[in-house]
Amino acid sequence: MPRSTRLSDATLIRAVLAQKPKTTKFIACHILNEYDGFALTVPKKLAKRAVDRNKIKRLMREAYRQSPDTEAAQAVVLRLRKKIGDKTKNKLRESERLEIRKELASLRLRK
């Protein structure tokens, strides 16, 4: 993913996060139509292991990359909203990974 698509301005990210999100069990997707860019948040509080946080970020980037492009500019922030690994000693299991992948596919990241 090119650097030009990343959101790095903190005030812009706050503005996007202020928007009402589309939510699924694990993922919240905030969209603001005036700007263009993409950001991810996977808090350490919700995914303890760095390996799991990186895996979830990879899944989010893949979902964004595979979503169809539009001409309209959109700022998208994806965030993890539910703790993973409650029953598995804080480890991301295959079933959760597949469920997150399915949820990301069902979200329409770019309208």
PDB file of N, CA and C in Angstrom:
ATOM      1  N   MET A   1       0.840  -1.168   0.000  1.00  0.00           N
ATOM      2  CA  MET A   1       0.000   0.000   0.000  1.00  0.00           C
ATOM      3  C   MET A   1       0.893   1.242   0.000  1.00  0.00           C
ATOM      4  N   PRO A   2       0.681   2.166  -0.911  1.00  0.00           N
ATOM      5  CA  PRO A   2       1.548   3.344  -0.985  1.00  0.00           C
ATOM      6  C   PRO A   2       1.368   4.273   0.221  1.00  0.00           C
ATOM      7  N   ARG A   3       2.438   4.968   0.567  1.00  0.00           N
ATOM      8  CA  ARG A   3       2.401   5.895   1.700  1.00  0.00           C
ATOM      9  C   ARG A   3       1.374   6.994   1.510  1.00  0.00           C
ATOM     10  N   SER A   4       1.092   7.348   0.278  1.00  0.00           N
ATOM     11  CA  SER A   4       0.158   8.441   0.000  1.00  0.00           C
ATOM     12  C   SER A   4      -1.263   8.115   0.453  1.00  0.00           C
ATOM     13  N   THR A   5      -1.573   6.845   0.647  1.00  0.00           N
ATOM     14  CA  THR A   5      -2.928   6.482   1.084  1.00  0.00           C
ATOM     15  C   THR A   5      -3.070   6.452   2.601  1.00  0.00           C
ATOM     16  N   ARG A   6      -1.967   6.556   3.346  1.00  0.00           N
ATOM     17  CA  ARG A   6      -2.027   6.492   4.807  1.00  0.00           C
ATOM     18  C   ARG A   6      -2.497   7.811   5.401  1.00  0.00           C
ATOM     19  N   LEU A   7      -3.332   7.705   6.409  1.00  0.00           N
ATOM     20  CA  LEU A   7      -3.716   8.875   7.188  1.00  0.00           C
ATOM     21  C   LEU A   7      -2.706   9.015   8.318  1.00  0.00           C
ATOM     22  N   SER A   8      -2.096  10.175   8.452  1.00  0.00           N
ATOM     23  CA  SER A   8      -1.130  10.358   9.522  1.00  0.00           C
ATOM     24  C   SER A   8      -1.442  11.577  10.385  1.00  0.00           C
ATOM     25  N   ASP A   9      -2.336  12.433   9.953  1.00  0.00           N
ATOM     26  CA  ASP A   9      -2.703  13.627  10.708  1.00  0.00           C
ATOM     27  C   ASP A   9      -3.643  13.242  11.851  1.00  0.00           C
ATOM     28  N   ALA A  10      -3.231  13.486  13.080  1.00  0.00           N
ATOM     29  CA  ALA A  10      -4.006  13.079  14.257  1.00  0.00           C
ATOM     30  C   ALA A  10      -5.376  13.749  14.304  1.00  0.00           C
ATOM     31  N   THR A  11      -5.459  15.010  13.911  1.00  0.00           N
ATOM     32  CA  THR A  11      -6.758  15.698  13.953  1.00  0.00           C
ATOM     33  C   THR A  11      -7.718  15.114  12.925  1.00  0.00           C
ATOM     34  N   LEU A  12      -7.200  14.733  11.775  1.00  0.00           N
ATOM     35  CA  LEU A  12      -8.044  14.106  10.755  1.00  0.00           C
ATOM     36  C   LEU A  12      -8.520  12.731  11.218  1.00  0.00           C
ATOM     37  N   ILE A  13      -7.642  11.965  11.840  1.00  0.00           N
ATOM     38  CA  ILE A  13      -8.029  10.643  12.348  1.00  0.00           C
ATOM     39  C   ILE A  13      -9.091  10.795  13.434  1.00  0.00           C
ATOM     40  N   ARG A  14      -8.939  11.796  14.319  1.00  0.00           N
ATOM     41  CA  ARG A  14      -9.965  12.046  15.340  1.00  0.00           C
ATOM     42  C   ARG A  14     -11.305  12.396  14.706  1.00  0.00           C
ATOM     43  N   ALA A  15     -11.259  13.193  13.632  1.00  0.00           N
ATOM     44  CA  ALA A  15     -12.497  13.579  12.941  1.00  0.00           C
ATOM     45  C   ALA A  15     -13.173  12.352  12.327  1.00  0.00           C
ATOM     46  N   VAL A  16     -12.387  11.455  11.763  1.00  0.00           N
ATOM     47  CA  VAL A  16     -12.950  10.237  11.172  1.00  0.00           C
ATOM     48  C   VAL A  16     -13.527   9.349  12.273  1.00  0.00           C
ATOM     49  N   LEU A  17     -12.808   9.210  13.383  1.00  0.00           N
ATOM     50  CA  LEU A  17     -13.290   8.377  14.484  1.00  0.00           C
ATOM     51  C   LEU A  17     -14.535   8.951  15.153  1.00  0.00           C
ATOM     52  N   ALA A  18     -14.786  10.249  14.974  1.00  0.00           N
ATOM     53  CA  ALA A  18     -15.992  10.868  15.525  1.00  0.00           C
ATOM     54  C   ALA A  18     -17.242  10.461  14.740  1.00  0.00           C
ATOM     55  N   GLN A  19     -17.045   9.956  13.515  1.00  0.00           N
ATOM     56  CA  GLN A  19     -18.174   9.510  12.700  1.00  0.00           C
ATOM     57  C   GLN A  19     -18.747   8.207  13.247  1.00  0.00           C
ATOM     58  N   LYS A  20     -20.046   8.012  13.048  1.00  0.00           N
ATOM     59  CA  LYS A  20     -20.684   6.766  13.499  1.00  0.00           C
ATOM     60  C   LYS A  20     -20.145   5.600  12.669  1.00  0.00           C
ATOM     61  N   PRO A  21     -19.670   4.538  13.327  1.00  0.00           N
ATOM     62  CA  PRO A  21     -19.053   3.440  12.574  1.00  0.00           C
ATOM     63  C   PRO A  21     -20.058   2.402  12.082  1.00  0.00           C
ATOM     64  N   LYS A  22     -19.667   1.705  11.017  1.00  0.00           N
ATOM     65  CA  LYS A  22     -20.337   0.458  10.649  1.00  0.00           C
ATOM     66  C   LYS A  22     -19.663  -0.595  11.516  1.00  0.00           C
ATOM     67  N   THR A  23     -20.434  -1.392  12.227  1.00  0.00           N
ATOM     68  CA  THR A  23     -19.806  -2.338  13.141  1.00  0.00           C
ATOM     69  C   THR A  23     -20.194  -3.776  12.826  1.00  0.00           C
ATOM     70  N   THR A  24     -19.269  -4.658  13.138  1.00  0.00           N
ATOM     71  CA  THR A  24     -19.511  -6.092  13.129  1.00  0.00           C
ATOM     72  C   THR A  24     -19.078  -6.589  14.502  1.00  0.00           C
ATOM     73  N   LYS A  25     -19.008  -7.856  14.688  1.00  0.00           N
ATOM     74  CA  LYS A  25     -18.632  -8.391  15.996  1.00  0.00           C
ATOM     75  C   LYS A  25     -17.235  -7.927  16.422  1.00  0.00           C
ATOM     76  N   PHE A  26     -16.258  -7.974  15.527  1.00  0.00           N
ATOM     77  CA  PHE A  26     -14.873  -7.647  15.862  1.00  0.00           C
ATOM     78  C   PHE A  26     -14.388  -6.307  15.329  1.00  0.00           C
ATOM     79  N   ILE A  27     -14.980  -5.796  14.255  1.00  0.00           N
ATOM     80  CA  ILE A  27     -14.428  -4.642  13.532  1.00  0.00           C
ATOM     81  C   ILE A  27     -15.405  -3.466  13.528  1.00  0.00           C
ATOM     82  N   ALA A  28     -14.862  -2.256  13.660  1.00  0.00           N
ATOM     83  CA  ALA A  28     -15.619  -1.020  13.465  1.00  0.00           C
ATOM     84  C   ALA A  28     -14.962  -0.266  12.315  1.00  0.00           C
ATOM     85  N   CYS A  29     -15.770   0.220  11.392  1.00  0.00           N
ATOM     86  CA  CYS A  29     -15.269   0.929  10.214  1.00  0.00           C
ATOM     87  C   CYS A  29     -15.838   2.350  10.207  1.00  0.00           C
ATOM     88  N   HIS A  30     -14.967   3.331  10.409  1.00  0.00           N
ATOM     89  CA  HIS A  30     -15.355   4.740  10.398  1.00  0.00           C
ATOM     90  C   HIS A  30     -14.990   5.319   9.031  1.00  0.00           C
ATOM     91  N   ILE A  31     -15.935   6.067   8.422  1.00  0.00           N
ATOM     92  CA  ILE A  31     -15.701   6.640   7.087  1.00  0.00           C
ATOM     93  C   ILE A  31     -16.066   8.121   7.094  1.00  0.00           C
ATOM     94  N   LEU A  32     -15.187   8.941   6.533  1.00  0.00           N
ATOM     95  CA  LEU A  32     -15.424  10.363   6.347  1.00  0.00           C
ATOM     96  C   LEU A  32     -15.209  10.662   4.873  1.00  0.00           C
ATOM     97  N   ASN A  33     -16.196  11.285   4.228  1.00  0.00           N
ATOM     98  CA  ASN A  33     -16.169  11.415   2.778  1.00  0.00           C
ATOM     99  C   ASN A  33     -15.343  12.571   2.229  1.00  0.00           C
ATOM    100  N   GLU A  34     -14.971  13.552   3.034  1.00  0.00           N
ATOM    101  CA  GLU A  34     -14.293  14.723   2.481  1.00  0.00           C
ATOM    102  C   GLU A  34     -12.810  14.506   2.172  1.00  0.00           C
ATOM    103  N   TYR A  35     -12.171  13.549   2.813  1.00  0.00           N
ATOM    104  CA  TYR A  35     -10.727  13.349   2.655  1.00  0.00           C
ATOM    105  C   TYR A  35     -10.461  11.968   2.079  1.00  0.00           C
ATOM    106  N   ASP A  36      -9.207  11.720   1.744  1.00  0.00           N
ATOM    107  CA  ASP A  36      -8.822  10.424   1.202  1.00  0.00           C
ATOM    108  C   ASP A  36      -7.690   9.846   2.042  1.00  0.00           C
ATOM    109  N   GLY A  37      -7.802   8.560   2.391  1.00  0.00           N
ATOM    110  CA  GLY A  37      -6.739   7.914   3.136  1.00  0.00           C
ATOM    111  C   GLY A  37      -7.240   6.715   3.920  1.00  0.00           C
ATOM    112  N   PHE A  38      -6.318   6.081   4.642  1.00  0.00           N
ATOM    113  CA  PHE A  38      -6.619   4.833   5.329  1.00  0.00           C
ATOM    114  C   PHE A  38      -5.771   4.731   6.597  1.00  0.00           C
ATOM    115  N   ALA A  39      -6.381   4.290   7.696  1.00  0.00           N
ATOM    116  CA  ALA A  39      -5.640   4.082   8.943  1.00  0.00           C
ATOM    117  C   ALA A  39      -6.215   2.862   9.665  1.00  0.00           C
ATOM    118  N   LEU A  40      -5.372   2.252  10.507  1.00  0.00           N
ATOM    119  CA  LEU A  40      -5.761   1.064  11.272  1.00  0.00           C
ATOM    120  C   LEU A  40      -5.481   1.294  12.742  1.00  0.00           C
ATOM    121  N   THR A  41      -6.311   0.729  13.612  1.00  0.00           N
ATOM    122  CA  THR A  41      -6.002   0.702  15.034  1.00  0.00           C
ATOM    123  C   THR A  41      -6.332  -0.676  15.573  1.00  0.00           C
ATOM    124  N   VAL A  42      -5.341  -1.288  16.180  1.00  0.00           N
ATOM    125  CA  VAL A  42      -5.515  -2.577  16.849  1.00  0.00           C
ATOM    126  C   VAL A  42      -4.868  -2.422  18.225  1.00  0.00           C
ATOM    127  N   PRO A  43      -5.662  -2.060  19.243  1.00  0.00           N
ATOM    128  CA  PRO A  43      -5.094  -1.776  20.557  1.00  0.00           C
ATOM    129  C   PRO A  43      -4.498  -2.998  21.243  1.00  0.00           C
ATOM    130  N   LYS A  44      -3.430  -2.755  21.982  1.00  0.00           N
ATOM    131  CA  LYS A  44      -2.767  -3.806  22.740  1.00  0.00           C
ATOM    132  C   LYS A  44      -3.699  -4.374  23.810  1.00  0.00           C
ATOM    133  N   LYS A  45      -4.619  -3.560  24.256  1.00  0.00           N
ATOM    134  CA  LYS A  45      -5.581  -3.993  25.275  1.00  0.00           C
ATOM    135  C   LYS A  45      -6.504  -5.089  24.739  1.00  0.00           C
ATOM    136  N   LEU A  46      -6.783  -5.065  23.430  1.00  0.00           N
ATOM    137  CA  LEU A  46      -7.718  -6.033  22.835  1.00  0.00           C
ATOM    138  C   LEU A  46      -7.022  -7.224  22.189  1.00  0.00           C
ATOM    139  N   ALA A  47      -5.771  -7.058  21.778  1.00  0.00           N
ATOM    140  CA  ALA A  47      -4.992  -8.156  21.192  1.00  0.00           C
ATOM    141  C   ALA A  47      -3.619  -8.112  21.849  1.00  0.00           C
ATOM    142  N   LYS A  48      -3.417  -8.933  22.841  1.00  0.00           N
ATOM    143  CA  LYS A  48      -2.210  -8.865  23.673  1.00  0.00           C
ATOM    144  C   LYS A  48      -0.927  -9.167  22.909  1.00  0.00           C
ATOM    145  N   ARG A  49      -0.944 -10.154  22.065  1.00  0.00           N
ATOM    146  CA  ARG A  49       0.278 -10.603  21.389  1.00  0.00           C
ATOM    147  C   ARG A  49       0.540  -9.781  20.125  1.00  0.00           C
ATOM    148  N   ALA A  50       1.781  -9.345  19.952  1.00  0.00           N
ATOM    149  CA  ALA A  50       2.160  -8.554  18.776  1.00  0.00           C
ATOM    150  C   ALA A  50       1.916  -9.338  17.489  1.00  0.00           C
ATOM    151  N   VAL A  51       2.119 -10.644  17.541  1.00  0.00           N
ATOM    152  CA  VAL A  51       1.900 -11.488  16.364  1.00  0.00           C
ATOM    153  C   VAL A  51       0.443 -11.387  15.916  1.00  0.00           C
ATOM    154  N   ASP A  52      -0.469 -11.404  16.879  1.00  0.00           N
ATOM    155  CA  ASP A  52      -1.897 -11.326  16.560  1.00  0.00           C
ATOM    156  C   ASP A  52      -2.282  -9.941  16.054  1.00  0.00           C
ATOM    157  N   ARG A  53      -1.734  -8.889  16.682  1.00  0.00           N
ATOM    158  CA  ARG A  53      -2.030  -7.532  16.208  1.00  0.00           C
ATOM    159  C   ARG A  53      -1.557  -7.347  14.773  1.00  0.00           C
ATOM    160  N   ASN A  54      -0.368  -7.841  14.466  1.00  0.00           N
ATOM    161  CA  ASN A  54       0.157  -7.715  13.104  1.00  0.00           C
ATOM    162  C   ASN A  54      -0.672  -8.517  12.112  1.00  0.00           C
ATOM    163  N   LYS A  55      -1.118  -9.696  12.506  1.00  0.00           N
ATOM    164  CA  LYS A  55      -1.946 -10.530  11.624  1.00  0.00           C
ATOM    165  C   LYS A  55      -3.268  -9.829  11.313  1.00  0.00           C
ATOM    166  N   ILE A  56      -3.887  -9.237  12.345  1.00  0.00           N
ATOM    167  CA  ILE A  56      -5.155  -8.531  12.144  1.00  0.00           C
ATOM    168  C   ILE A  56      -4.940  -7.321  11.242  1.00  0.00           C
ATOM    169  N   LYS A  57      -3.834  -6.590  11.434  1.00  0.00           N
ATOM    170  CA  LYS A  57      -3.539  -5.448  10.559  1.00  0.00           C
ATOM    171  C   LYS A  57      -3.333  -5.896   9.121  1.00  0.00           C
ATOM    172  N   ARG A  58      -2.656  -7.024   8.928  1.00  0.00           N
ATOM    173  CA  ARG A  58      -2.471  -7.558   7.573  1.00  0.00           C
ATOM    174  C   ARG A  58      -3.818  -7.882   6.934  1.00  0.00           C
ATOM    175  N   LEU A  59      -4.727  -8.482   7.707  1.00  0.00           N
ATOM    176  CA  LEU A  59      -6.058  -8.800   7.185  1.00  0.00           C
ATOM    177  C   LEU A  59      -6.815  -7.523   6.812  1.00  0.00           C
ATOM    178  N   MET A  60      -6.694  -6.479   7.641  1.00  0.00           N
ATOM    179  CA  MET A  60      -7.366  -5.206   7.358  1.00  0.00           C
ATOM    180  C   MET A  60      -6.815  -4.554   6.096  1.00  0.00           C
ATOM    181  N   ARG A  61      -5.484  -4.543   5.967  1.00  0.00           N
ATOM    182  CA  ARG A  61      -4.874  -3.965   4.759  1.00  0.00           C
ATOM    183  C   ARG A  61      -5.299  -4.718   3.512  1.00  0.00           C
ATOM    184  N   GLU A  62      -5.332  -6.035   3.597  1.00  0.00           N
ATOM    185  CA  GLU A  62      -5.739  -6.857   2.461  1.00  0.00           C
ATOM    186  C   GLU A  62      -7.183  -6.551   2.067  1.00  0.00           C
ATOM    187  N   ALA A  63      -8.068  -6.426   3.050  1.00  0.00           N
ATOM    188  CA  ALA A  63      -9.472  -6.117   2.761  1.00  0.00           C
ATOM    189  C   ALA A  63      -9.607  -4.750   2.102  1.00  0.00           C
ATOM    190  N   TYR A  64      -8.844  -3.770   2.571  1.00  0.00           N
ATOM    191  CA  TYR A  64      -8.900  -2.433   1.975  1.00  0.00           C
ATOM    192  C   TYR A  64      -8.372  -2.455   0.553  1.00  0.00           C
ATOM    193  N   ARG A  65      -7.262  -3.162   0.352  1.00  0.00           N
ATOM    194  CA  ARG A  65      -6.655  -3.248  -0.984  1.00  0.00           C
ATOM    195  C   ARG A  65      -7.582  -3.928  -1.984  1.00  0.00           C
ATOM    196  N   GLN A  66      -8.312  -4.940  -1.542  1.00  0.00           N
ATOM    197  CA  GLN A  66      -9.157  -5.706  -2.442  1.00  0.00           C
ATOM    198  C   GLN A  66     -10.524  -5.073  -2.663  1.00  0.00           C
ATOM    199  N   SER A  67     -10.876  -4.063  -1.868  1.00  0.00           N
ATOM    200  CA  SER A  67     -12.165  -3.409  -2.069  1.00  0.00           C
ATOM    201  C   SER A  67     -12.100  -2.559  -3.334  1.00  0.00           C
ATOM    202  N   PRO A  68     -13.198  -2.464  -4.054  1.00  0.00           N
ATOM    203  CA  PRO A  68     -13.185  -1.737  -5.334  1.00  0.00           C
ATOM    204  C   PRO A  68     -12.944  -0.239  -5.133  1.00  0.00           C
ATOM    205  N   ASP A  69     -12.171   0.357  -6.042  1.00  0.00           N
ATOM    206  CA  ASP A  69     -11.876   1.789  -5.981  1.00  0.00           C
ATOM    207  C   ASP A  69     -13.086   2.599  -6.419  1.00  0.00           C
ATOM    208  N   THR A  70     -13.173   3.816  -5.885  1.00  0.00           N
ATOM    209  CA  THR A  70     -14.184   4.767  -6.332  1.00  0.00           C
ATOM    210  C   THR A  70     -13.503   6.092  -6.619  1.00  0.00           C
ATOM    211  N   GLU A  71     -14.189   6.974  -7.324  1.00  0.00           N
ATOM    212  CA  GLU A  71     -13.638   8.298  -7.592  1.00  0.00           C
ATOM    213  C   GLU A  71     -13.778   9.202  -6.379  1.00  0.00           C
ATOM    214  N   ALA A  72     -14.791   8.974  -5.543  1.00  0.00           N
ATOM    215  CA  ALA A  72     -15.022   9.822  -4.384  1.00  0.00           C
ATOM    216  C   ALA A  72     -13.933   9.602  -3.335  1.00  0.00           C
ATOM    217  N   ALA A  73     -13.465  10.697  -2.759  1.00  0.00           N
ATOM    218  CA  ALA A  73     -12.442  10.607  -1.714  1.00  0.00           C
ATOM    219  C   ALA A  73     -13.091  10.161  -0.407  1.00  0.00           C
ATOM    220  N   GLN A  74     -12.467   9.193   0.257  1.00  0.00           N
ATOM    221  CA  GLN A  74     -12.962   8.711   1.533  1.00  0.00           C
ATOM    222  C   GLN A  74     -11.806   8.449   2.476  1.00  0.00           C
ATOM    223  N   ALA A  75     -11.941   8.928   3.697  1.00  0.00           N
ATOM    224  CA  ALA A  75     -10.986   8.597   4.748  1.00  0.00           C
ATOM    225  C   ALA A  75     -11.592   7.433   5.531  1.00  0.00           C
ATOM    226  N   VAL A  76     -10.869   6.327   5.620  1.00  0.00           N
ATOM    227  CA  VAL A  76     -11.363   5.118   6.282  1.00  0.00           C
ATOM    228  C   VAL A  76     -10.444   4.779   7.447  1.00  0.00           C
ATOM    229  N   VAL A  77     -11.046   4.552   8.625  1.00  0.00           N
ATOM    230  CA  VAL A  77     -10.296   4.073   9.783  1.00  0.00           C
ATOM    231  C   VAL A  77     -10.940   2.777  10.244  1.00  0.00           C
ATOM    232  N   LEU A  78     -10.165   1.704  10.235  1.00  0.00           N
ATOM    233  CA  LEU A  78     -10.633   0.409  10.728  1.00  0.00           C
ATOM    234  C   LEU A  78     -10.054   0.190  12.121  1.00  0.00           C
ATOM    235  N   ARG A  79     -10.889  -0.271  13.045  1.00  0.00           N
ATOM    236  CA  ARG A  79     -10.374  -0.555  14.380  1.00  0.00           C
ATOM    237  C   ARG A  79     -10.972  -1.844  14.920  1.00  0.00           C
ATOM    238  N   LEU A  80     -10.162  -2.531  15.709  1.00  0.00           N
ATOM    239  CA  LEU A  80     -10.620  -3.730  16.402  1.00  0.00           C
ATOM    240  C   LEU A  80     -11.459  -3.271  17.579  1.00  0.00           C
ATOM    241  N   ARG A  81     -12.632  -3.863  17.774  1.00  0.00           N
ATOM    242  CA  ARG A  81     -13.502  -3.383  18.839  1.00  0.00           C
ATOM    243  C   ARG A  81     -13.816  -4.420  19.906  1.00  0.00           C
ATOM    244  N   LYS A  82     -13.412  -5.657  19.710  1.00  0.00           N
ATOM    245  CA  LYS A  82     -13.694  -6.708  20.682  1.00  0.00           C
ATOM    246  C   LYS A  82     -12.413  -7.480  20.974  1.00  0.00           C
ATOM    247  N   LYS A  83     -12.237  -7.832  22.232  1.00  0.00           N
ATOM    248  CA  LYS A  83     -11.041  -8.565  22.635  1.00  0.00           C
ATOM    249  C   LYS A  83     -11.019  -9.938  21.983  1.00  0.00           C
ATOM    250  N   ILE A  84      -9.850 -10.319  21.504  1.00  0.00           N
ATOM    251  CA  ILE A  84      -9.710 -11.649  20.902  1.00  0.00           C
ATOM    252  C   ILE A  84      -9.061 -12.589  21.900  1.00  0.00           C
ATOM    253  N   GLY A  85      -9.308 -13.862  21.740  1.00  0.00           N
ATOM    254  CA  GLY A  85      -8.655 -14.868  22.548  1.00  0.00           C
ATOM    255  C   GLY A  85      -9.145 -14.952  23.981  1.00  0.00           C
ATOM    256  N   ASP A  86     -10.404 -14.614  24.238  1.00  0.00           N
ATOM    257  CA  ASP A  86     -10.938 -14.711  25.588  1.00  0.00           C
ATOM    258  C   ASP A  86     -10.835 -16.129  26.140  1.00  0.00           C
ATOM    259  N   LYS A  87     -11.111 -17.084  25.294  1.00  0.00           N
ATOM    260  CA  LYS A  87     -11.139 -18.480  25.739  1.00  0.00           C
ATOM    261  C   LYS A  87      -9.848 -19.224  25.430  1.00  0.00           C
ATOM    262  N   THR A  88      -8.903 -18.561  24.781  1.00  0.00           N
ATOM    263  CA  THR A  88      -7.709 -19.269  24.319  1.00  0.00           C
ATOM    264  C   THR A  88      -6.413 -18.626  24.802  1.00  0.00           C
ATOM    265  N   LYS A  89      -6.397 -18.147  26.020  1.00  0.00           N
ATOM    266  CA  LYS A  89      -5.193 -17.546  26.614  1.00  0.00           C
ATOM    267  C   LYS A  89      -4.637 -16.404  25.758  1.00  0.00           C
ATOM    268  N   ASN A  90      -5.540 -15.545  25.289  1.00  0.00           N
ATOM    269  CA  ASN A  90      -5.190 -14.348  24.513  1.00  0.00           C
ATOM    270  C   ASN A  90      -4.507 -14.635  23.182  1.00  0.00           C
ATOM    271  N   LYS A  91      -4.739 -15.789  22.606  1.00  0.00           N
ATOM    272  CA  LYS A  91      -4.165 -16.118  21.300  1.00  0.00           C
ATOM    273  C   LYS A  91      -5.248 -16.078  20.231  1.00  0.00           C
ATOM    274  N   LEU A  92      -4.900 -15.519  19.089  1.00  0.00           N
ATOM    275  CA  LEU A  92      -5.809 -15.489  17.950  1.00  0.00           C
ATOM    276  C   LEU A  92      -5.866 -16.888  17.349  1.00  0.00           C
ATOM    277  N   ARG A  93      -7.027 -17.475  17.340  1.00  0.00           N
ATOM    278  CA  ARG A  93      -7.193 -18.812  16.787  1.00  0.00           C
ATOM    279  C   ARG A  93      -7.717 -18.728  15.357  1.00  0.00           C
ATOM    280  N   GLU A  94      -7.603 -19.834  14.655  1.00  0.00           N
ATOM    281  CA  GLU A  94      -8.004 -19.898  13.245  1.00  0.00           C
ATOM    282  C   GLU A  94      -9.466 -19.501  13.065  1.00  0.00           C
ATOM    283  N   SER A  95     -10.336 -19.938  13.972  1.00  0.00           N
ATOM    284  CA  SER A  95     -11.763 -19.625  13.840  1.00  0.00           C
ATOM    285  C   SER A  95     -12.002 -18.117  13.947  1.00  0.00           C
ATOM    286  N   GLU A  96     -11.307 -17.444  14.866  1.00  0.00           N
ATOM    287  CA  GLU A  96     -11.442 -15.991  14.989  1.00  0.00           C
ATOM    288  C   GLU A  96     -10.851 -15.291  13.768  1.00  0.00           C
ATOM    289  N   ARG A  97      -9.731 -15.775  13.289  1.00  0.00           N
ATOM    290  CA  ARG A  97      -9.100 -15.172  12.111  1.00  0.00           C
ATOM    291  C   ARG A  97     -10.021 -15.242  10.905  1.00  0.00           C
ATOM    292  N   LEU A  98     -10.642 -16.410  10.715  1.00  0.00           N
ATOM    293  CA  LEU A  98     -11.568 -16.568   9.587  1.00  0.00           C
ATOM    294  C   LEU A  98     -12.804 -15.687   9.752  1.00  0.00           C
ATOM    295  N   GLU A  99     -13.277 -15.558  10.985  1.00  0.00           N
ATOM    296  CA  GLU A  99     -14.441 -14.707  11.229  1.00  0.00           C
ATOM    297  C   GLU A  99     -14.111 -13.238  10.963  1.00  0.00           C
ATOM    298  N   ILE A 100     -12.934 -12.794  11.378  1.00  0.00           N
ATOM    299  CA  ILE A 100     -12.512 -11.411  11.112  1.00  0.00           C
ATOM    300  C   ILE A 100     -12.380 -11.180   9.610  1.00  0.00           C
ATOM    301  N   ARG A 101     -11.794 -12.139   8.903  1.00  0.00           N
ATOM    302  CA  ARG A 101     -11.657 -12.022   7.443  1.00  0.00           C
ATOM    303  C   ARG A 101     -13.032 -11.911   6.770  1.00  0.00           C
ATOM    304  N   LYS A 102     -13.987 -12.726   7.236  1.00  0.00           N
ATOM    305  CA  LYS A 102     -15.338 -12.696   6.662  1.00  0.00           C
ATOM    306  C   LYS A 102     -16.019 -11.352   6.955  1.00  0.00           C
ATOM    307  N   GLU A 103     -15.848 -10.841   8.171  1.00  0.00           N
ATOM    308  CA  GLU A 103     -16.436  -9.545   8.525  1.00  0.00           C
ATOM    309  C   GLU A 103     -15.848  -8.420   7.680  1.00  0.00           C
ATOM    310  N   LEU A 104     -14.542  -8.452   7.471  1.00  0.00           N
ATOM    311  CA  LEU A 104     -13.906  -7.417   6.648  1.00  0.00           C
ATOM    312  C   LEU A 104     -14.405  -7.484   5.212  1.00  0.00           C
ATOM    313  N   ALA A 105     -14.630  -8.683   4.709  1.00  0.00           N
ATOM    314  CA  ALA A 105     -15.150  -8.827   3.345  1.00  0.00           C
ATOM    315  C   ALA A 105     -16.570  -8.292   3.241  1.00  0.00           C
ATOM    316  N   SER A 106     -17.352  -8.438   4.314  1.00  0.00           N
ATOM    317  CA  SER A 106     -18.741  -7.989   4.278  1.00  0.00           C
ATOM    318  C   SER A 106     -18.865  -6.470   4.406  1.00  0.00           C
ATOM    319  N   LEU A 107     -17.864  -5.833   5.033  1.00  0.00           N
ATOM    320  CA  LEU A 107     -17.884  -4.374   5.139  1.00  0.00           C
ATOM    321  C   LEU A 107     -17.582  -3.780   3.767  1.00  0.00           C
ATOM    322  N   ARG A 108     -18.332  -2.766   3.417  1.00  0.00           N
ATOM    323  CA  ARG A 108     -18.035  -2.074   2.163  1.00  0.00           C
ATOM    324  C   ARG A 108     -17.135  -0.909   2.518  1.00  0.00           C
ATOM    325  N   LEU A 109     -15.821  -1.101   2.356  1.00  0.00           N
ATOM    326  CA  LEU A 109     -14.859  -0.095   2.790  1.00  0.00           C
ATOM    327  C   LEU A 109     -14.857   1.143   1.919  1.00  0.00           C
ATOM    328  N   ARG A 110     -15.109   0.963   0.660  1.00  0.00           N
ATOM    329  CA  ARG A 110     -15.183   2.092  -0.273  1.00  0.00           C
ATOM    330  C   ARG A 110     -16.520   1.999  -0.972  1.00  0.00           C
ATOM    331  N   LYS A 111     -17.313   3.046  -0.847  1.00  0.00           N
ATOM    332  CA  LYS A 111     -18.665   3.031  -1.454  1.00  0.00           C
ATOM    333  C   LYS A 111     -18.603   3.283  -2.927  1.00  0.00           C
TER     334      LYS A 111
END
